[in-house]
Amino acid sequence: MLVGFDFGEAPKHFGAAAAAGTALHEMWTTTTSLITNIGRAFTSEKVRHQFHSIVGITEIAHETVLAGAGYALIFLGFISLVLAVINLFPFLPLDGGHIVWSLAEKLRGKRISVGAMYRYSSVGIVLLAFLVINGLSNDLSRITG
C-alpha cells in the first residue's frame, strides 16, 4: 500500500468449473514456459541468469510467506509442478528415464544393455548438473553483489 493505492490484482472469484479450467490453463502455461526456458538457457545468457538454486528458491519462498498464506500456497503449487515436470525428463535416474527405457524395451522386445543406458543417461546428468550449477552461481552472484 502506498497512499491508499494497492498495486496488486484484486482477487477473482470463480465457480468450481471455472477454477478447474483456470488451474489447467495456468499449469499448461507454466509447464510450456519451463520447458521452453530450459531449452533457451543453453543459448540465451538473459534466460540463464533467471535460474535459481535452492538458495534463491528459499529466498523467494520467504518473500511469498511474508506476502500471505495465499501467495505461499500458490508458490508451493508452482514449485511442485516444476519438480514434477523436471522429474519426467527422459533421463535416468529420473522417473521419465525409467518410463522411456521401459517403453524402449517393450518396443524392442528385449532388454537394452546397461552400457547404452549409462551413455544415454549421462546426457541427462550433464543437463541437470548444468541447471544446478548455473542456478547456484546465479544465487551466489546475487548474494555477493
N, C-alpha and C. Protein backbone atom coordinates (compact mmCIF):
# COMPACT_ATOMS: atom_id res chain seq x y z
N MET A 1 0.85 -1.19 0.00
CA MET A 1 0.00 0.00 0.00
C MET A 1 0.88 1.24 0.00
N LEU A 2 0.50 2.19 -0.80
CA LEU A 2 1.21 3.46 -0.86
C LEU A 2 0.17 4.54 -1.08
N VAL A 3 -0.05 5.36 -0.08
CA VAL A 3 -1.02 6.47 -0.14
C VAL A 3 -2.40 5.95 -0.60
N GLY A 4 -2.81 4.83 -0.06
CA GLY A 4 -4.14 4.33 -0.34
C GLY A 4 -4.29 3.53 -1.61
N PHE A 5 -3.22 3.32 -2.36
CA PHE A 5 -3.31 2.54 -3.59
C PHE A 5 -2.65 1.19 -3.37
N ASP A 6 -3.27 0.18 -3.92
CA ASP A 6 -2.71 -1.17 -3.86
C ASP A 6 -2.31 -1.55 -5.27
N PHE A 7 -1.06 -1.93 -5.48
CA PHE A 7 -0.56 -2.22 -6.81
C PHE A 7 -0.71 -3.68 -7.21
N GLY A 8 -1.42 -4.47 -6.42
CA GLY A 8 -1.65 -5.87 -6.74
C GLY A 8 -2.96 -6.03 -7.48
N GLU A 9 -3.25 -7.25 -7.86
CA GLU A 9 -4.51 -7.54 -8.52
C GLU A 9 -5.56 -7.86 -7.47
N ALA A 10 -6.79 -7.49 -7.76
CA ALA A 10 -7.89 -7.83 -6.86
C ALA A 10 -8.18 -9.32 -7.00
N PRO A 11 -8.59 -9.97 -5.91
CA PRO A 11 -8.91 -11.40 -6.00
C PRO A 11 -10.06 -11.64 -6.98
N LYS A 12 -9.96 -12.72 -7.69
CA LYS A 12 -11.02 -13.10 -8.63
C LYS A 12 -11.83 -14.23 -8.00
N HIS A 13 -13.10 -14.21 -8.22
CA HIS A 13 -13.97 -15.24 -7.67
C HIS A 13 -14.41 -16.17 -8.79
N PHE A 14 -14.22 -17.47 -8.59
CA PHE A 14 -14.53 -18.48 -9.60
C PHE A 14 -15.49 -19.51 -9.02
N GLY A 15 -16.27 -20.11 -9.90
CA GLY A 15 -17.01 -21.31 -9.55
C GLY A 15 -16.08 -22.50 -9.69
N ALA A 16 -16.56 -23.69 -9.35
CA ALA A 16 -15.71 -24.88 -9.39
C ALA A 16 -15.22 -25.18 -10.80
N ALA A 17 -16.09 -25.11 -11.79
CA ALA A 17 -15.69 -25.43 -13.17
C ALA A 17 -14.71 -24.39 -13.71
N ALA A 18 -14.99 -23.12 -13.45
CA ALA A 18 -14.10 -22.06 -13.92
C ALA A 18 -12.73 -22.14 -13.23
N ALA A 19 -12.73 -22.49 -11.94
CA ALA A 19 -11.47 -22.62 -11.21
C ALA A 19 -10.64 -23.77 -11.78
N ALA A 20 -11.30 -24.89 -12.10
CA ALA A 20 -10.59 -26.03 -12.67
C ALA A 20 -10.00 -25.66 -14.04
N GLY A 21 -10.77 -24.97 -14.86
CA GLY A 21 -10.28 -24.54 -16.17
C GLY A 21 -9.11 -23.58 -16.06
N THR A 22 -9.21 -22.62 -15.14
CA THR A 22 -8.12 -21.67 -14.93
C THR A 22 -6.87 -22.37 -14.41
N ALA A 23 -7.06 -23.33 -13.50
CA ALA A 23 -5.92 -24.08 -12.96
C ALA A 23 -5.22 -24.87 -14.06
N LEU A 24 -5.99 -25.53 -14.91
CA LEU A 24 -5.39 -26.28 -16.02
C LEU A 24 -4.65 -25.35 -16.98
N HIS A 25 -5.24 -24.20 -17.27
CA HIS A 25 -4.58 -23.23 -18.16
C HIS A 25 -3.26 -22.75 -17.56
N GLU A 26 -3.26 -22.42 -16.27
CA GLU A 26 -2.04 -21.95 -15.61
C GLU A 26 -0.97 -23.04 -15.56
N MET A 27 -1.40 -24.28 -15.30
CA MET A 27 -0.45 -25.39 -15.28
C MET A 27 0.17 -25.59 -16.66
N TRP A 28 -0.64 -25.52 -17.70
CA TRP A 28 -0.13 -25.69 -19.06
C TRP A 28 0.84 -24.57 -19.41
N THR A 29 0.46 -23.34 -19.09
CA THR A 29 1.31 -22.19 -19.38
C THR A 29 2.65 -22.30 -18.64
N THR A 30 2.60 -22.66 -17.38
CA THR A 30 3.82 -22.80 -16.59
C THR A 30 4.70 -23.92 -17.12
N THR A 31 4.10 -25.04 -17.47
CA THR A 31 4.87 -26.18 -17.98
C THR A 31 5.56 -25.86 -19.30
N THR A 32 4.83 -25.27 -20.25
CA THR A 32 5.44 -24.93 -21.53
C THR A 32 6.51 -23.85 -21.37
N SER A 33 6.28 -22.90 -20.48
CA SER A 33 7.28 -21.87 -20.22
C SER A 33 8.54 -22.47 -19.61
N LEU A 34 8.38 -23.40 -18.68
CA LEU A 34 9.53 -24.05 -18.05
C LEU A 34 10.37 -24.80 -19.08
N ILE A 35 9.72 -25.60 -19.90
CA ILE A 35 10.45 -26.40 -20.88
C ILE A 35 11.13 -25.49 -21.91
N THR A 36 10.42 -24.46 -22.35
CA THR A 36 11.00 -23.51 -23.30
C THR A 36 12.21 -22.80 -22.71
N ASN A 37 12.10 -22.35 -21.46
CA ASN A 37 13.20 -21.61 -20.85
C ASN A 37 14.39 -22.50 -20.53
N ILE A 38 14.17 -23.76 -20.23
CA ILE A 38 15.31 -24.66 -20.02
C ILE A 38 16.06 -24.82 -21.35
N GLY A 39 15.33 -24.95 -22.44
CA GLY A 39 15.97 -25.02 -23.75
C GLY A 39 16.71 -23.74 -24.10
N ARG A 40 16.10 -22.61 -23.80
CA ARG A 40 16.73 -21.31 -24.09
C ARG A 40 17.93 -21.02 -23.20
N ALA A 41 18.00 -21.68 -22.05
CA ALA A 41 19.11 -21.43 -21.13
C ALA A 41 20.45 -21.78 -21.75
N PHE A 42 20.44 -22.67 -22.74
CA PHE A 42 21.69 -23.05 -23.40
C PHE A 42 22.14 -22.02 -24.42
N THR A 43 21.23 -21.14 -24.85
CA THR A 43 21.58 -20.19 -25.91
C THR A 43 21.45 -18.73 -25.49
N SER A 44 20.74 -18.45 -24.40
CA SER A 44 20.49 -17.06 -24.01
C SER A 44 21.02 -16.80 -22.60
N GLU A 45 21.94 -15.87 -22.52
CA GLU A 45 22.51 -15.52 -21.21
C GLU A 45 21.45 -14.88 -20.32
N LYS A 46 20.54 -14.11 -20.92
CA LYS A 46 19.48 -13.46 -20.15
C LYS A 46 18.60 -14.50 -19.46
N VAL A 47 18.21 -15.54 -20.17
CA VAL A 47 17.39 -16.61 -19.59
C VAL A 47 18.19 -17.37 -18.55
N ARG A 48 19.47 -17.61 -18.83
CA ARG A 48 20.33 -18.36 -17.91
C ARG A 48 20.41 -17.66 -16.56
N HIS A 49 20.39 -16.33 -16.54
CA HIS A 49 20.51 -15.59 -15.28
C HIS A 49 19.21 -15.58 -14.48
N GLN A 50 18.13 -16.11 -15.03
CA GLN A 50 16.86 -16.16 -14.31
C GLN A 50 16.70 -17.44 -13.48
N PHE A 51 17.61 -18.39 -13.62
CA PHE A 51 17.51 -19.64 -12.89
C PHE A 51 17.98 -19.46 -11.45
N HIS A 52 17.37 -20.24 -10.55
CA HIS A 52 17.72 -20.20 -9.14
C HIS A 52 18.07 -21.60 -8.66
N SER A 53 18.87 -21.64 -7.60
CA SER A 53 19.12 -22.90 -6.91
C SER A 53 18.24 -22.91 -5.67
N ILE A 54 18.49 -23.83 -4.77
CA ILE A 54 17.71 -23.90 -3.54
C ILE A 54 17.87 -22.62 -2.72
N VAL A 55 19.00 -21.94 -2.86
CA VAL A 55 19.23 -20.69 -2.13
C VAL A 55 18.23 -19.62 -2.59
N GLY A 56 18.14 -19.41 -3.88
CA GLY A 56 17.22 -18.40 -4.40
C GLY A 56 15.77 -18.79 -4.22
N ILE A 57 15.48 -20.08 -4.36
CA ILE A 57 14.11 -20.54 -4.18
C ILE A 57 13.67 -20.32 -2.73
N THR A 58 14.58 -20.53 -1.79
CA THR A 58 14.27 -20.29 -0.37
C THR A 58 13.99 -18.82 -0.12
N GLU A 59 14.76 -17.94 -0.73
CA GLU A 59 14.52 -16.51 -0.57
C GLU A 59 13.16 -16.11 -1.12
N ILE A 60 12.82 -16.63 -2.29
CA ILE A 60 11.52 -16.33 -2.89
C ILE A 60 10.39 -16.91 -2.04
N ALA A 61 10.58 -18.11 -1.51
CA ALA A 61 9.57 -18.72 -0.63
C ALA A 61 9.36 -17.86 0.61
N HIS A 62 10.43 -17.33 1.16
CA HIS A 62 10.32 -16.46 2.33
C HIS A 62 9.51 -15.21 2.00
N GLU A 63 9.76 -14.63 0.84
CA GLU A 63 9.01 -13.44 0.42
C GLU A 63 7.53 -13.76 0.25
N THR A 64 7.21 -14.92 -0.32
CA THR A 64 5.80 -15.26 -0.52
C THR A 64 5.10 -15.54 0.80
N VAL A 65 5.80 -16.13 1.77
CA VAL A 65 5.20 -16.36 3.08
C VAL A 65 4.91 -15.02 3.76
N LEU A 66 5.83 -14.08 3.62
CA LEU A 66 5.60 -12.75 4.20
C LEU A 66 4.44 -12.04 3.51
N ALA A 67 4.22 -12.31 2.22
CA ALA A 67 3.13 -11.68 1.48
C ALA A 67 1.77 -12.25 1.87
N GLY A 68 1.74 -13.43 2.43
CA GLY A 68 0.47 -14.02 2.86
C GLY A 68 0.39 -15.49 2.52
N ALA A 69 -0.53 -16.17 3.20
CA ALA A 69 -0.68 -17.61 3.03
C ALA A 69 -1.11 -17.97 1.61
N GLY A 70 -1.95 -17.15 1.00
CA GLY A 70 -2.40 -17.43 -0.37
C GLY A 70 -1.25 -17.44 -1.35
N TYR A 71 -0.37 -16.45 -1.25
CA TYR A 71 0.80 -16.40 -2.14
C TYR A 71 1.73 -17.58 -1.88
N ALA A 72 1.88 -17.94 -0.60
CA ALA A 72 2.75 -19.07 -0.26
C ALA A 72 2.20 -20.37 -0.85
N LEU A 73 0.89 -20.57 -0.80
CA LEU A 73 0.30 -21.79 -1.36
C LEU A 73 0.43 -21.83 -2.88
N ILE A 74 0.27 -20.69 -3.52
CA ILE A 74 0.46 -20.63 -4.98
C ILE A 74 1.90 -20.95 -5.34
N PHE A 75 2.85 -20.38 -4.60
CA PHE A 75 4.26 -20.65 -4.83
C PHE A 75 4.56 -22.13 -4.63
N LEU A 76 4.00 -22.73 -3.58
CA LEU A 76 4.20 -24.14 -3.31
C LEU A 76 3.66 -24.99 -4.46
N GLY A 77 2.51 -24.59 -4.99
CA GLY A 77 1.95 -25.31 -6.14
C GLY A 77 2.85 -25.22 -7.36
N PHE A 78 3.40 -24.03 -7.62
CA PHE A 78 4.30 -23.87 -8.77
C PHE A 78 5.57 -24.68 -8.59
N ILE A 79 6.13 -24.69 -7.39
CA ILE A 79 7.34 -25.49 -7.13
C ILE A 79 7.04 -26.97 -7.35
N SER A 80 5.90 -27.43 -6.87
CA SER A 80 5.53 -28.84 -7.06
C SER A 80 5.38 -29.17 -8.54
N LEU A 81 4.78 -28.28 -9.30
CA LEU A 81 4.61 -28.51 -10.74
C LEU A 81 5.96 -28.55 -11.45
N VAL A 82 6.85 -27.63 -11.11
CA VAL A 82 8.18 -27.60 -11.74
C VAL A 82 8.95 -28.89 -11.43
N LEU A 83 8.91 -29.33 -10.19
CA LEU A 83 9.60 -30.58 -9.83
C LEU A 83 9.00 -31.78 -10.55
N ALA A 84 7.68 -31.80 -10.70
CA ALA A 84 7.03 -32.90 -11.42
C ALA A 84 7.46 -32.92 -12.88
N VAL A 85 7.51 -31.75 -13.52
CA VAL A 85 7.90 -31.68 -14.93
C VAL A 85 9.35 -32.11 -15.10
N ILE A 86 10.23 -31.61 -14.25
CA ILE A 86 11.64 -31.98 -14.34
C ILE A 86 11.81 -33.49 -14.09
N ASN A 87 11.04 -34.04 -13.17
CA ASN A 87 11.13 -35.47 -12.87
C ASN A 87 10.71 -36.33 -14.07
N LEU A 88 9.94 -35.78 -14.98
CA LEU A 88 9.51 -36.54 -16.16
C LEU A 88 10.47 -36.40 -17.35
N PHE A 89 11.59 -35.69 -17.17
CA PHE A 89 12.59 -35.64 -18.24
C PHE A 89 13.06 -37.06 -18.52
N PRO A 90 13.31 -37.38 -19.78
CA PRO A 90 13.59 -38.78 -20.15
C PRO A 90 15.02 -39.25 -19.91
N PHE A 91 15.55 -38.99 -18.73
CA PHE A 91 16.90 -39.41 -18.40
C PHE A 91 16.89 -40.14 -17.07
N LEU A 92 17.67 -41.22 -16.98
CA LEU A 92 17.84 -41.89 -15.70
C LEU A 92 18.70 -41.02 -14.82
N PRO A 93 18.50 -40.95 -13.58
CA PRO A 93 17.65 -41.74 -12.70
C PRO A 93 16.25 -41.15 -12.49
N LEU A 94 15.86 -40.18 -13.27
CA LEU A 94 14.53 -39.59 -13.12
C LEU A 94 13.44 -40.56 -13.57
N ASP A 95 12.22 -40.34 -13.11
CA ASP A 95 11.11 -41.24 -13.46
C ASP A 95 10.87 -41.28 -14.96
N GLY A 96 11.02 -40.15 -15.63
CA GLY A 96 10.85 -40.13 -17.09
C GLY A 96 11.83 -41.05 -17.79
N GLY A 97 13.03 -41.19 -17.26
CA GLY A 97 14.02 -42.10 -17.82
C GLY A 97 13.59 -43.55 -17.68
N HIS A 98 13.01 -43.88 -16.53
CA HIS A 98 12.53 -45.25 -16.33
C HIS A 98 11.38 -45.55 -17.30
N ILE A 99 10.52 -44.56 -17.53
CA ILE A 99 9.41 -44.75 -18.47
C ILE A 99 9.94 -44.97 -19.88
N VAL A 100 10.91 -44.13 -20.30
CA VAL A 100 11.47 -44.25 -21.65
C VAL A 100 12.12 -45.61 -21.85
N TRP A 101 12.93 -46.07 -20.89
CA TRP A 101 13.62 -47.34 -21.05
C TRP A 101 12.64 -48.50 -21.03
N SER A 102 11.60 -48.42 -20.23
CA SER A 102 10.58 -49.49 -20.22
C SER A 102 9.88 -49.57 -21.56
N LEU A 103 9.51 -48.40 -22.12
CA LEU A 103 8.86 -48.38 -23.43
C LEU A 103 9.81 -48.88 -24.52
N ALA A 104 11.08 -48.47 -24.46
CA ALA A 104 12.05 -48.89 -25.47
C ALA A 104 12.24 -50.41 -25.43
N GLU A 105 12.33 -50.97 -24.24
CA GLU A 105 12.49 -52.43 -24.13
C GLU A 105 11.23 -53.16 -24.59
N LYS A 106 10.07 -52.58 -24.33
CA LYS A 106 8.83 -53.19 -24.77
C LYS A 106 8.75 -53.19 -26.31
N LEU A 107 9.11 -52.05 -26.92
CA LEU A 107 9.07 -51.95 -28.38
C LEU A 107 10.10 -52.86 -29.04
N ARG A 108 11.28 -52.96 -28.44
CA ARG A 108 12.35 -53.81 -28.98
C ARG A 108 12.08 -55.28 -28.78
N GLY A 109 11.40 -55.58 -27.70
CA GLY A 109 11.14 -56.98 -27.38
C GLY A 109 12.26 -57.65 -26.62
N LYS A 110 13.31 -56.92 -26.30
CA LYS A 110 14.40 -57.46 -25.49
C LYS A 110 15.04 -56.34 -24.69
N ARG A 111 15.86 -56.73 -23.74
CA ARG A 111 16.49 -55.74 -22.84
C ARG A 111 17.52 -54.89 -23.58
N ILE A 112 17.69 -53.69 -23.10
CA ILE A 112 18.71 -52.78 -23.63
C ILE A 112 19.92 -52.88 -22.71
N SER A 113 21.08 -52.84 -23.27
CA SER A 113 22.30 -53.02 -22.47
C SER A 113 22.46 -51.89 -21.46
N VAL A 114 23.05 -52.25 -20.35
CA VAL A 114 23.31 -51.28 -19.28
C VAL A 114 24.26 -50.20 -19.78
N GLY A 115 25.21 -50.56 -20.62
CA GLY A 115 26.14 -49.57 -21.17
C GLY A 115 25.43 -48.52 -22.00
N ALA A 116 24.46 -48.93 -22.81
CA ALA A 116 23.69 -47.97 -23.59
C ALA A 116 22.90 -47.04 -22.68
N MET A 117 22.34 -47.60 -21.62
CA MET A 117 21.59 -46.76 -20.67
C MET A 117 22.51 -45.75 -19.99
N TYR A 118 23.70 -46.18 -19.62
CA TYR A 118 24.65 -45.26 -18.98
C TYR A 118 25.04 -44.13 -19.92
N ARG A 119 25.33 -44.47 -21.17
CA ARG A 119 25.73 -43.43 -22.14
C ARG A 119 24.60 -42.43 -22.35
N TYR A 120 23.40 -42.91 -22.53
CA TYR A 120 22.26 -42.04 -22.77
C TYR A 120 21.97 -41.19 -21.52
N SER A 121 22.03 -41.80 -20.36
CA SER A 121 21.70 -41.09 -19.13
C SER A 121 22.74 -40.06 -18.74
N SER A 122 23.96 -40.22 -19.22
CA SER A 122 24.99 -39.22 -18.90
C SER A 122 24.61 -37.86 -19.46
N VAL A 123 23.88 -37.84 -20.57
CA VAL A 123 23.39 -36.57 -21.13
C VAL A 123 22.45 -35.89 -20.13
N GLY A 124 21.55 -36.66 -19.52
CA GLY A 124 20.63 -36.11 -18.54
C GLY A 124 21.32 -35.62 -17.29
N ILE A 125 22.33 -36.36 -16.86
CA ILE A 125 23.09 -35.95 -15.68
C ILE A 125 23.81 -34.63 -15.96
N VAL A 126 24.38 -34.48 -17.14
CA VAL A 126 25.05 -33.23 -17.50
C VAL A 126 24.04 -32.09 -17.54
N LEU A 127 22.86 -32.33 -18.10
CA LEU A 127 21.81 -31.31 -18.16
C LEU A 127 21.41 -30.88 -16.75
N LEU A 128 21.15 -31.83 -15.88
CA LEU A 128 20.77 -31.48 -14.51
C LEU A 128 21.90 -30.78 -13.76
N ALA A 129 23.13 -31.24 -13.98
CA ALA A 129 24.27 -30.57 -13.34
C ALA A 129 24.39 -29.14 -13.83
N PHE A 130 24.16 -28.92 -15.13
CA PHE A 130 24.19 -27.55 -15.67
C PHE A 130 23.15 -26.68 -14.98
N LEU A 131 21.93 -27.19 -14.83
CA LEU A 131 20.88 -26.40 -14.20
C LEU A 131 21.22 -26.07 -12.75
N VAL A 132 21.72 -27.06 -12.01
CA VAL A 132 22.04 -26.85 -10.60
C VAL A 132 23.22 -25.88 -10.45
N ILE A 133 24.28 -26.11 -11.20
CA ILE A 133 25.47 -25.25 -11.08
C ILE A 133 25.15 -23.84 -11.54
N ASN A 134 24.40 -23.70 -12.63
CA ASN A 134 24.02 -22.38 -13.11
C ASN A 134 23.17 -21.64 -12.09
N GLY A 135 22.18 -22.33 -11.52
CA GLY A 135 21.32 -21.70 -10.51
C GLY A 135 22.10 -21.29 -9.28
N LEU A 136 23.00 -22.15 -8.84
CA LEU A 136 23.81 -21.84 -7.66
C LEU A 136 24.74 -20.66 -7.91
N SER A 137 25.37 -20.62 -9.08
CA SER A 137 26.26 -19.50 -9.37
C SER A 137 25.46 -18.20 -9.49
N ASN A 138 24.25 -18.25 -10.05
CA ASN A 138 23.41 -17.05 -10.11
C ASN A 138 23.06 -16.56 -8.71
N ASP A 139 22.68 -17.48 -7.82
CA ASP A 139 22.32 -17.08 -6.47
C ASP A 139 23.50 -16.54 -5.70
N LEU A 140 24.67 -17.17 -5.86
CA LEU A 140 25.86 -16.68 -5.18
C LEU A 140 26.26 -15.29 -5.68
N SER A 141 26.13 -15.06 -6.99
CA SER A 141 26.47 -13.74 -7.51
C SER A 141 25.45 -12.69 -7.06
N ARG A 142 24.20 -13.06 -6.88
CA ARG A 142 23.20 -12.11 -6.36
C ARG A 142 23.49 -11.76 -4.91
N ILE A 143 23.89 -12.77 -4.13
CA ILE A 143 24.15 -12.55 -2.71
C ILE A 143 25.41 -11.70 -2.51
N THR A 144 26.45 -12.02 -3.26
CA THR A 144 27.72 -11.31 -3.08
C THR A 144 27.76 -9.97 -3.80
N GLY A 145 26.80 -9.74 -4.68
CA GLY A 145 26.75 -8.45 -5.36
C GLY A 145 27.42 -8.55 -6.65
